[in-house]
Amino acid sequence: MSAKISKLNHNFGIAGQILFRDAGDGFIVIDIKNSFCNATIAVQGAHLMTWNPKGQKPVIWMSPVAKLAPGKSIRGGVPICWPWFGAHASEPSYSGHGFARTVAWDVIDTAALDNGSTFVAFRIAEVNKEQWPYNAPAEMYMTIGATLEMELVTDNLGSREITVGDALHTYFCVSDVSKSTIRGLDGCDYLDKVGPAARRTQQGDITIGSEVDRIYLDQGQDVVIEDPGLKRAIRIEKRGSNSTIVWNPWIEKCIKMGDFGSDDGYLGMVCVESANAAEDVVKLAPGDSHRLWVRYSVE
């Protein structure tokens, strides 16, 4: 065991509940086990990879061929998009969805909570100063148990106003996305990013039978993924988020991307992302904080 992992386990490990390990090539992963669930988190990117409540099929989807490599994004789990979502507003050469998901984060706290859940907190350790020349770090707090709570916090510690775009780019497991239904977005305006850019209004619940890439705007209510195949519904509650993104690459894009595990890998997942994107980005005055909070539960 490396000295770094030994130190993490000494400082933040909890016997029978939190264990740090090397997943290969020095890529550090946290294994969480408690009376409610099992979960795994990559320290790079503060990236929750799996959450499996007891008695349930996995709730968070991870590609069976996802690569865990320093500096590389992970296909699946809950990538953190920060400090912008999508393409950078003025510099197209910057990586899409920001840099937070591919850089080092520090573990700053862990706890076994009285209710049996597990708490883990991270702070971004590696900020690209060229792309983000502000004194405005990010922290991520996770409470992992019968439900999964995540809170992404941005503090503007500098002396000028900044603009933040962010998202929890969550991949959810479904039995068959073509037979699932997403409720809670009826009547919302959205930006349709498939084909020529267009602004539309959602009519009824969402069903998916082709590529979908939409930013639903001015939206804060609960969203529910109904999955008849697994006889369950996944509820997404949120605060501090005015956008919801719904994404599935469908057949052609899935094949081109090459890291879904199979040509029909897209059928087992759908992304429903709590975000502040497009015209819903956040302006933060000096001294202000922004908190994007979600809670996922299975019904």
Protein backbone atom coordinates (compact mmCIF):
# COMPACT_ATOMS: atom_id res chain seq x y z
CA MET A 1 0.00 0.00 0.00
CA SER A 2 1.41 3.39 -0.96
CA ALA A 3 2.31 5.95 1.67
CA LYS A 4 -0.35 8.30 0.28
CA ILE A 5 -3.15 5.74 0.63
CA SER A 6 -1.90 4.74 4.09
CA LYS A 7 -2.06 8.41 5.12
CA LEU A 8 -5.58 8.82 3.70
CA ASN A 9 -6.79 5.73 5.52
CA HIS A 10 -5.15 6.94 8.74
CA ASN A 11 -6.61 10.44 8.50
CA PHE A 12 -9.99 9.79 6.88
CA GLY A 13 -10.70 6.05 6.81
CA ILE A 14 -13.40 4.61 9.07
CA ALA A 15 -13.19 0.93 9.97
CA GLY A 16 -15.95 -1.06 8.29
CA GLN A 17 -17.25 2.00 6.43
CA ILE A 18 -14.61 4.02 4.49
CA LEU A 19 -11.56 2.50 2.81
CA PHE A 20 -9.14 4.18 0.39
CA ARG A 21 -7.47 1.94 -2.21
CA ASP A 22 -5.41 2.10 -5.39
CA ALA A 23 -7.53 1.14 -8.40
CA GLY A 24 -4.38 0.94 -10.54
CA ASP A 25 -1.63 3.32 -11.64
CA GLY A 26 -2.04 5.36 -8.49
CA PHE A 27 -5.70 6.17 -9.19
CA ILE A 28 -7.28 6.42 -5.73
CA VAL A 29 -10.82 5.23 -5.06
CA ILE A 30 -12.90 5.33 -1.88
CA ASP A 31 -15.07 2.31 -1.03
CA ILE A 32 -18.11 3.15 1.12
CA LYS A 33 -20.07 0.45 2.95
CA ASN A 34 -22.78 1.07 5.52
CA SER A 35 -26.06 -0.50 6.60
CA PHE A 36 -27.92 1.25 3.75
CA CYS A 37 -25.72 0.94 0.66
CA ASN A 38 -22.40 0.44 -1.05
CA ALA A 39 -20.75 3.23 -3.05
CA THR A 40 -17.45 4.10 -4.73
CA ILE A 41 -15.89 7.53 -5.28
CA ALA A 42 -12.86 8.54 -7.33
CA VAL A 43 -10.80 11.12 -5.45
CA GLN A 44 -9.87 12.69 -8.81
CA GLY A 45 -12.77 14.93 -9.70
CA ALA A 46 -14.56 14.09 -6.41
CA HIS A 47 -16.40 11.79 -8.79
CA LEU A 48 -19.05 9.50 -7.31
CA MET A 49 -18.98 6.39 -9.49
CA THR A 50 -21.55 4.04 -7.94
CA TRP A 51 -24.35 4.09 -5.37
CA ASN A 52 -26.12 0.80 -4.72
CA PRO A 53 -28.81 0.92 -2.01
CA LYS A 54 -29.38 -2.44 -0.32
CA GLY A 55 -32.03 -4.50 -2.08
CA GLN A 56 -31.86 -2.40 -5.26
CA LYS A 57 -30.22 -2.71 -8.63
CA PRO A 58 -27.52 -0.03 -9.06
CA VAL A 59 -28.99 3.48 -9.25
CA ILE A 60 -25.95 5.22 -10.74
CA TRP A 61 -24.75 3.93 -14.13
CA MET A 62 -21.07 3.32 -14.87
CA SER A 63 -19.81 2.08 -18.20
CA PRO A 64 -18.43 -1.46 -17.84
CA VAL A 65 -15.37 -0.28 -19.79
CA ALA A 66 -14.92 3.06 -18.01
CA LYS A 67 -11.23 3.94 -17.77
CA LEU A 68 -9.80 5.17 -14.48
CA ALA A 69 -6.77 7.20 -15.48
CA PRO A 70 -5.13 10.39 -14.19
CA GLY A 71 -6.34 13.44 -16.09
CA LYS A 72 -9.06 11.56 -17.98
CA SER A 73 -12.82 11.89 -17.56
CA ILE A 74 -14.81 8.83 -16.44
CA ARG A 75 -17.76 7.55 -18.47
CA GLY A 76 -20.59 7.30 -15.98
CA GLY A 77 -21.19 8.11 -12.34
CA VAL A 78 -21.61 11.78 -11.39
CA PRO A 79 -19.04 13.97 -13.19
CA ILE A 80 -18.82 17.50 -11.78
CA CYS A 81 -19.13 20.13 -14.51
CA TRP A 82 -17.47 23.30 -13.13
CA PRO A 83 -16.84 26.23 -13.42
CA TRP A 84 -18.79 26.22 -16.68
CA PHE A 85 -21.22 23.88 -18.40
CA GLY A 86 -20.82 22.92 -22.05
CA ALA A 87 -18.47 25.02 -24.16
CA HIS A 88 -16.66 27.93 -22.54
CA ALA A 89 -18.46 31.21 -23.23
CA SER A 90 -15.53 32.91 -24.99
CA GLU A 91 -12.69 30.41 -25.48
CA PRO A 92 -13.65 27.32 -27.52
CA SER A 93 -10.25 25.68 -26.95
CA TYR A 94 -11.01 25.17 -23.25
CA SER A 95 -12.35 21.75 -22.35
CA GLY A 96 -16.11 21.29 -22.42
CA HIS A 97 -17.83 21.28 -19.01
CA GLY A 98 -14.81 22.84 -17.29
CA PHE A 99 -11.83 21.15 -15.70
CA ALA A 100 -13.13 20.01 -12.28
CA ARG A 101 -13.88 16.42 -13.26
CA THR A 102 -10.31 15.64 -14.42
CA VAL A 103 -8.17 17.33 -11.75
CA ALA A 104 -7.06 16.52 -8.22
CA TRP A 105 -9.36 17.10 -5.26
CA ASP A 106 -8.43 16.81 -1.58
CA VAL A 107 -10.46 14.89 0.96
CA ILE A 108 -11.08 17.36 3.80
CA ASP A 109 -13.49 15.47 6.08
CA THR A 110 -15.25 12.15 6.61
CA ALA A 111 -17.75 11.00 9.22
CA ALA A 112 -19.93 8.08 10.19
CA LEU A 113 -23.23 9.82 10.90
CA ASP A 114 -25.57 8.93 13.75
CA ASN A 115 -28.30 7.86 11.30
CA GLY A 116 -25.98 5.27 9.72
CA SER A 117 -25.08 7.30 6.62
CA THR A 118 -21.55 8.22 5.57
CA PHE A 119 -20.29 11.76 4.98
CA VAL A 120 -17.34 12.67 2.73
CA ALA A 121 -16.16 16.21 1.88
CA PHE A 122 -13.74 17.33 -0.83
CA ARG A 123 -12.08 20.58 -1.91
CA ILE A 124 -10.71 21.14 -5.40
CA ALA A 125 -6.91 21.06 -5.20
CA GLU A 126 -5.82 21.77 -8.75
CA VAL A 127 -7.30 24.85 -10.41
CA ASN A 128 -6.34 25.92 -13.93
CA LYS A 129 -5.40 29.51 -13.18
CA GLU A 130 -5.29 30.43 -16.85
CA GLN A 131 -8.87 29.30 -17.34
CA TRP A 132 -10.15 30.32 -13.89
CA PRO A 133 -8.11 33.31 -12.64
CA TYR A 134 -10.30 33.90 -9.59
CA ASN A 135 -10.08 33.19 -5.89
CA ALA A 136 -13.21 31.06 -6.05
CA PRO A 137 -12.67 27.41 -5.09
CA ALA A 138 -15.19 24.57 -5.14
CA GLU A 139 -16.08 22.04 -2.46
CA MET A 140 -18.22 18.88 -2.71
CA TYR A 141 -20.12 17.33 0.20
CA MET A 142 -21.67 13.85 -0.09
CA THR A 143 -24.03 12.15 2.35
CA ILE A 144 -24.35 8.53 1.29
CA GLY A 145 -27.00 6.26 2.76
CA ALA A 146 -30.57 5.22 1.98
CA THR A 147 -30.63 8.40 -0.11
CA LEU A 148 -27.73 10.12 -1.85
CA GLU A 149 -27.19 13.82 -1.17
CA MET A 150 -24.56 15.88 -2.98
CA GLU A 151 -23.79 19.57 -2.59
CA LEU A 152 -21.40 21.51 -4.84
CA VAL A 153 -20.35 24.79 -3.21
CA THR A 154 -18.56 27.69 -4.91
CA ASP A 155 -17.20 30.50 -2.71
CA ASN A 156 -16.25 33.82 -4.27
CA LEU A 157 -13.35 34.84 -2.03
CA GLY A 158 -12.12 37.47 -4.48
CA SER A 159 -12.86 41.15 -5.02
CA ARG A 160 -14.88 41.05 -8.26
CA GLU A 161 -18.08 39.48 -9.49
CA ILE A 162 -17.75 36.12 -11.24
CA THR A 163 -20.02 33.96 -13.39
CA VAL A 164 -20.38 30.27 -12.59
CA GLY A 165 -21.97 27.51 -14.62
CA ASP A 166 -22.15 24.07 -13.04
CA ALA A 167 -23.85 20.69 -13.22
CA LEU A 168 -23.93 17.29 -11.61
CA HIS A 169 -23.84 15.26 -14.83
CA THR A 170 -25.53 12.21 -13.28
CA TYR A 171 -25.89 8.97 -15.24
CA PHE A 172 -28.84 6.94 -13.94
CA CYS A 173 -29.33 3.20 -14.46
CA VAL A 174 -32.54 2.15 -16.21
CA SER A 175 -33.66 -1.24 -17.50
CA ASP A 176 -34.45 0.19 -20.96
CA VAL A 177 -34.43 3.93 -21.63
CA SER A 178 -36.88 3.50 -24.52
CA LYS A 179 -39.47 2.16 -22.06
CA SER A 180 -38.80 4.66 -19.26
CA THR A 181 -40.55 7.99 -18.62
CA ILE A 182 -39.19 11.23 -17.17
CA ARG A 183 -41.78 13.30 -15.31
CA GLY A 184 -41.64 16.84 -13.91
CA LEU A 185 -40.65 18.90 -16.95
CA ASP A 186 -44.02 19.32 -18.66
CA GLY A 187 -44.49 22.91 -19.80
CA CYS A 188 -40.81 23.87 -19.39
CA ASP A 189 -38.95 25.66 -22.16
CA TYR A 190 -35.80 23.92 -23.32
CA LEU A 191 -32.88 24.43 -25.66
CA ASP A 192 -32.75 21.51 -28.08
CA LYS A 193 -29.12 20.75 -28.97
CA VAL A 194 -29.84 17.91 -31.43
CA GLY A 195 -29.82 19.20 -34.99
CA PRO A 196 -30.21 22.94 -35.61
CA ALA A 197 -30.34 24.76 -32.27
CA ALA A 198 -33.93 25.51 -31.30
CA ARG A 199 -35.96 26.64 -28.31
CA ARG A 200 -39.02 24.50 -27.63
CA THR A 201 -41.60 23.83 -24.93
CA GLN A 202 -41.99 20.38 -23.38
CA GLN A 203 -45.41 18.86 -23.99
CA GLY A 204 -46.21 16.12 -21.48
CA ASP A 205 -43.74 13.66 -19.97
CA ILE A 206 -40.45 12.77 -21.69
CA THR A 207 -40.00 9.48 -23.50
CA ILE A 208 -36.81 8.71 -25.41
CA GLY A 209 -36.69 7.04 -28.81
CA SER A 210 -33.79 8.90 -30.42
CA GLU A 211 -30.84 11.09 -29.43
CA VAL A 212 -31.84 13.62 -26.75
CA ASP A 213 -29.73 16.58 -25.58
CA ARG A 214 -31.83 19.29 -23.94
CA ILE A 215 -31.31 22.08 -21.43
CA TYR A 216 -34.58 22.74 -19.57
CA LEU A 217 -34.56 26.33 -18.32
CA ASP A 218 -35.95 28.08 -15.24
CA GLN A 219 -36.73 24.69 -13.70
CA GLY A 220 -36.49 23.81 -10.02
CA GLN A 221 -39.14 21.21 -9.25
CA ASP A 222 -38.58 17.50 -8.61
CA VAL A 223 -37.92 15.26 -11.60
CA VAL A 224 -38.81 11.55 -11.52
CA ILE A 225 -37.49 8.75 -13.74
CA GLU A 226 -40.12 6.00 -13.93
CA ASP A 227 -38.68 2.59 -14.82
CA PRO A 228 -41.33 -0.13 -15.26
CA GLY A 229 -38.69 -2.75 -16.03
CA LEU A 230 -37.10 -2.37 -12.59
CA LYS A 231 -40.46 -1.54 -10.97
CA ARG A 232 -39.08 1.62 -9.42
CA ALA A 233 -38.91 5.39 -9.72
CA ILE A 234 -35.84 7.55 -9.06
CA ARG A 235 -36.68 10.94 -7.56
CA ILE A 236 -34.35 13.91 -8.10
CA GLU A 237 -34.81 16.78 -5.65
CA LYS A 238 -32.66 19.88 -5.91
CA ARG A 239 -31.92 23.39 -4.68
CA GLY A 240 -29.72 26.08 -6.17
CA SER A 241 -30.27 24.73 -9.68
CA ASN A 242 -32.37 26.47 -12.31
CA SER A 243 -31.65 24.11 -15.22
CA THR A 244 -32.10 20.41 -15.86
CA ILE A 245 -30.30 18.64 -18.69
CA VAL A 246 -31.68 15.42 -20.19
CA TRP A 247 -29.20 13.48 -22.34
CA ASN A 248 -29.00 10.14 -24.09
CA PRO A 249 -26.63 9.66 -27.06
CA TRP A 250 -28.73 6.95 -28.76
CA ILE A 251 -27.30 4.52 -31.30
CA GLU A 252 -24.92 6.32 -33.66
CA LYS A 253 -23.29 8.58 -31.10
CA CYS A 254 -22.98 5.71 -28.61
CA ILE A 255 -21.05 3.68 -31.20
CA LYS A 256 -18.83 6.64 -32.10
CA MET A 257 -18.03 7.39 -28.46
CA GLY A 258 -16.77 3.85 -28.03
CA ASP A 259 -16.78 3.71 -24.21
CA PHE A 260 -20.31 2.52 -23.44
CA GLY A 261 -19.33 -1.14 -23.32
CA SER A 262 -21.50 -2.23 -26.25
CA ASP A 263 -23.30 -0.77 -29.24
CA ASP A 264 -26.57 -0.79 -27.27
CA GLY A 265 -25.03 0.48 -24.04
CA TYR A 266 -27.11 3.65 -24.32
CA LEU A 267 -30.26 1.65 -23.50
CA GLY A 268 -29.22 1.13 -19.88
CA MET A 269 -28.70 4.79 -18.95
CA VAL A 270 -30.10 8.26 -19.03
CA CYS A 271 -28.50 11.47 -17.78
CA VAL A 272 -30.74 13.83 -15.81
CA GLU A 273 -28.43 16.62 -14.70
CA SER A 274 -29.11 19.30 -12.11
CA ALA A 275 -27.38 22.40 -13.41
CA ASN A 276 -27.04 26.12 -13.91
CA ALA A 277 -26.43 26.39 -17.63
CA ALA A 278 -27.05 28.60 -20.69
CA GLU A 279 -29.12 31.59 -19.54
CA ASP A 280 -29.34 30.19 -16.00
CA VAL A 281 -25.67 30.71 -15.05
CA VAL A 282 -25.02 32.21 -11.61
CA LYS A 283 -23.53 35.65 -10.87
CA LEU A 284 -21.58 35.65 -7.60
CA ALA A 285 -20.67 38.93 -5.92
CA PRO A 286 -17.52 39.10 -3.77
CA GLY A 287 -18.08 37.18 -0.54
CA ASP A 288 -21.06 35.23 -1.86
CA SER A 289 -21.45 31.47 -2.11
CA HIS A 290 -23.44 29.32 -4.48
CA ARG A 291 -24.73 25.92 -3.38
CA LEU A 292 -26.04 23.33 -5.85
CA TRP A 293 -27.70 20.57 -3.79
CA VAL A 294 -29.39 17.36 -4.93
CA ARG A 295 -30.96 14.37 -3.25
CA TYR A 296 -31.60 11.11 -5.10
CA SER A 297 -34.02 8.54 -3.73
CA VAL A 298 -35.64 5.33 -4.95
CA GLU A 299 -39.42 4.86 -4.74
